[in-house]
Amino acid sequence: MSTSSIYDFTVRDIKGNEKSMADYQGQVLLIVNTASKCGLTPQFEGLQALHKELGEKGLEVLGFPCNQFLNQDPADDKAISEFCSLNYGVDFPMFSKIDVNGEHADPLFQFLKSEAKGLLGSEKVKWNFTKFLVGRDGKVLRRYPPTTKPEDIKADIVKLL
């Protein structure tokens, strides 16, 4: 892959509109693959809290629904959007459902995985709510496992703001 920056990607928001990642230049990003029917789904609360508290300081939380782990996000984009808003008050950007692993993995996630490898150098996303922290310069700095709660990442984010 010849892509050199996270800003080279275009993604589709949850309403189906194309969105350039370059729109987020200069911001700290926390990119998360999400699911609505997972034991970790309550992490939406923590992600929303980070967004609310640190958004004006330059943090952008970006949620990418994924149904690759035990069919835990089977709904369509509209239903996922409504679920997140109604149940967790999510108002950070959510994107169209994607694959994060396999031959149809979204190019953005292919890039994230290659830049911040997981345990033992693995690129594969292991589960819902894997989190990638991206600095203001677009560099992928760190991957956090699904069990890491959003509030446990706050100190790392604050250092970058």
Protein backbone atom coordinates (compact mmCIF):
# COMPACT_ATOMS: atom_id res chain seq x y z
CA MET A 1 0.00 0.00 0.00
CA SER A 2 1.47 3.32 -1.04
CA THR A 3 -0.71 5.42 1.23
CA SER A 4 1.50 7.50 3.46
CA SER A 5 -1.05 9.28 5.63
CA ILE A 6 -4.38 8.70 7.27
CA TYR A 7 -5.50 11.84 5.45
CA ASP A 8 -5.30 10.06 2.08
CA PHE A 9 -8.45 8.03 2.83
CA THR A 10 -12.08 8.68 2.08
CA VAL A 11 -14.74 7.01 4.21
CA ARG A 12 -18.54 6.93 4.10
CA ASP A 13 -20.48 8.41 7.00
CA ILE A 14 -23.46 6.64 8.52
CA LYS A 15 -25.82 8.63 6.27
CA GLY A 16 -23.94 7.42 3.18
CA ASN A 17 -22.00 10.61 2.39
CA GLU A 18 -18.35 10.47 1.38
CA LYS A 19 -16.04 12.10 3.92
CA SER A 20 -12.35 12.79 3.48
CA MET A 21 -10.16 11.95 6.44
CA ALA A 22 -8.26 15.14 5.51
CA ASP A 23 -11.20 17.00 7.09
CA TYR A 24 -9.78 15.89 10.45
CA GLN A 25 -6.26 17.27 9.89
CA GLY A 26 -4.84 18.90 12.99
CA GLN A 27 -7.09 16.98 15.38
CA VAL A 28 -6.32 14.07 17.68
CA LEU A 29 -8.38 11.07 16.55
CA LEU A 30 -9.66 8.06 18.45
CA ILE A 31 -10.89 5.62 15.80
CA VAL A 32 -12.97 2.70 17.09
CA ASN A 33 -14.70 -0.29 15.50
CA THR A 34 -18.04 -0.46 17.29
CA ALA A 35 -20.94 -2.88 17.74
CA SER A 36 -24.44 -2.40 19.13
CA LYS A 37 -24.98 -5.85 20.63
CA CYS A 38 -21.65 -6.59 22.29
CA GLY A 39 -20.77 -6.96 25.96
CA LEU A 40 -18.51 -3.94 25.41
CA THR A 41 -21.28 -1.80 23.87
CA PRO A 42 -21.55 0.30 27.08
CA GLN A 43 -18.14 1.74 26.06
CA PHE A 44 -20.21 4.09 23.90
CA GLU A 45 -20.84 5.99 27.16
CA GLY A 46 -17.11 6.47 27.76
CA LEU A 47 -16.44 7.38 24.14
CA GLN A 48 -19.23 9.97 24.24
CA ALA A 49 -17.85 11.35 27.53
CA LEU A 50 -14.39 11.79 25.96
CA HIS A 51 -15.97 13.45 22.94
CA LYS A 52 -18.00 15.83 25.09
CA GLU A 53 -15.13 16.73 27.42
CA LEU A 54 -12.23 16.94 24.96
CA GLY A 55 -13.91 17.67 21.63
CA GLU A 56 -13.48 21.43 21.88
CA LYS A 57 -9.79 20.91 22.71
CA GLY A 58 -9.21 19.01 19.47
CA LEU A 59 -10.28 15.38 19.99
CA GLU A 60 -12.48 13.69 17.43
CA VAL A 61 -13.91 10.25 18.23
CA LEU A 62 -14.80 8.33 15.05
CA GLY A 63 -16.98 5.22 15.28
CA PHE A 64 -17.01 2.52 12.61
CA PRO A 65 -19.69 -0.16 13.14
CA CYS A 66 -18.57 -3.68 12.26
CA ASN A 67 -20.51 -6.95 12.17
CA GLN A 68 -17.54 -9.31 11.86
CA PHE A 69 -17.49 -10.51 15.47
CA LEU A 70 -20.30 -12.94 16.30
CA ASN A 71 -22.86 -10.93 14.32
CA GLN A 72 -23.01 -8.24 17.01
CA ASP A 73 -24.02 -5.35 14.75
CA PRO A 74 -26.45 -6.88 12.22
CA ALA A 75 -28.66 -3.80 11.73
CA ASP A 76 -28.43 -1.31 8.88
CA ASP A 77 -26.70 2.06 9.24
CA LYS A 78 -29.92 3.94 10.04
CA ALA A 79 -30.84 1.54 12.88
CA ILE A 80 -27.26 1.61 14.24
CA SER A 81 -27.29 5.41 14.22
CA GLU A 82 -30.63 5.53 16.04
CA PHE A 83 -29.48 2.93 18.59
CA CYS A 84 -26.29 4.86 19.41
CA SER A 85 -28.11 8.16 19.69
CA LEU A 86 -31.08 6.93 21.72
CA ASN A 87 -29.22 4.60 24.08
CA TYR A 88 -25.90 6.41 24.56
CA GLY A 89 -26.47 9.97 23.35
CA VAL A 90 -23.76 9.51 20.74
CA ASP A 91 -23.18 12.65 18.74
CA PHE A 92 -19.60 12.00 17.64
CA PRO A 93 -19.21 11.03 13.97
CA MET A 94 -20.35 7.51 13.12
CA PHE A 95 -19.61 5.90 9.79
CA SER A 96 -21.12 3.31 7.52
CA LYS A 97 -20.71 -0.32 8.63
CA ILE A 98 -17.42 -1.82 7.44
CA ASP A 99 -15.26 -4.93 7.63
CA VAL A 100 -12.05 -4.46 9.63
CA ASN A 101 -10.50 -7.85 8.78
CA GLY A 102 -10.33 -10.11 5.74
CA GLU A 103 -10.25 -9.48 2.03
CA HIS A 104 -12.99 -6.83 2.21
CA ALA A 105 -11.42 -4.90 5.09
CA ASP A 106 -11.87 -1.16 4.76
CA PRO A 107 -8.68 0.50 3.43
CA LEU A 108 -8.58 2.89 6.40
CA PHE A 109 -8.52 -0.05 8.83
CA GLN A 110 -5.93 -1.87 6.71
CA PHE A 111 -3.74 1.22 7.15
CA LEU A 112 -4.46 1.58 10.89
CA LYS A 113 -3.64 -2.10 11.51
CA SER A 114 -0.37 -1.91 9.58
CA GLU A 115 0.70 1.25 11.44
CA ALA A 116 -0.19 0.05 14.96
CA LYS A 117 0.11 -3.68 15.27
CA GLY A 118 -1.59 -5.63 18.01
CA LEU A 119 -0.36 -8.23 20.44
CA LEU A 120 2.70 -10.14 19.21
CA GLY A 121 2.79 -8.04 16.03
CA SER A 122 -0.58 -9.21 14.78
CA GLU A 123 -2.42 -6.86 12.44
CA LYS A 124 -5.81 -8.52 12.83
CA VAL A 125 -8.44 -6.66 14.86
CA LYS A 126 -9.38 -9.12 17.60
CA TRP A 127 -12.80 -7.82 18.62
CA ASN A 128 -15.26 -4.94 18.76
CA PHE A 129 -14.06 -1.69 20.35
CA THR A 130 -10.43 -1.92 19.32
CA LYS A 131 -9.21 1.68 19.47
CA PHE A 132 -6.57 3.49 17.41
CA LEU A 133 -5.09 6.78 18.63
CA VAL A 134 -3.90 9.17 15.92
CA GLY A 135 -1.88 12.32 16.62
CA ARG A 136 -2.55 15.80 15.24
CA ASP A 137 0.03 15.08 12.51
CA GLY A 138 -1.95 12.06 11.26
CA LYS A 139 0.50 9.50 12.63
CA VAL A 140 -1.08 6.36 14.10
CA LEU A 141 0.44 6.28 17.58
CA ARG A 142 -1.14 3.37 19.40
CA ARG A 143 -3.66 0.56 19.35
CA TYR A 144 -5.69 -0.25 22.46
CA PRO A 145 -7.35 -3.61 22.99
CA PRO A 146 -11.16 -3.88 23.19
CA THR A 147 -11.09 -4.27 26.99
CA THR A 148 -9.34 -0.91 27.48
CA LYS A 149 -12.04 1.47 28.65
CA PRO A 150 -12.19 4.89 26.97
CA GLU A 151 -11.55 6.65 30.30
CA ASP A 152 -8.27 4.69 30.60
CA ILE A 153 -7.05 6.32 27.38
CA LYS A 154 -7.88 9.86 28.51
CA ALA A 155 -4.41 10.66 29.90
CA ASP A 156 -2.78 9.62 26.62
CA ILE A 157 -5.22 11.81 24.69
CA VAL A 158 -4.75 14.83 26.95
CA LYS A 159 -0.97 14.68 26.40
CA LEU A 160 -1.58 15.05 22.65
CA LEU A 161 -4.00 17.96 23.00
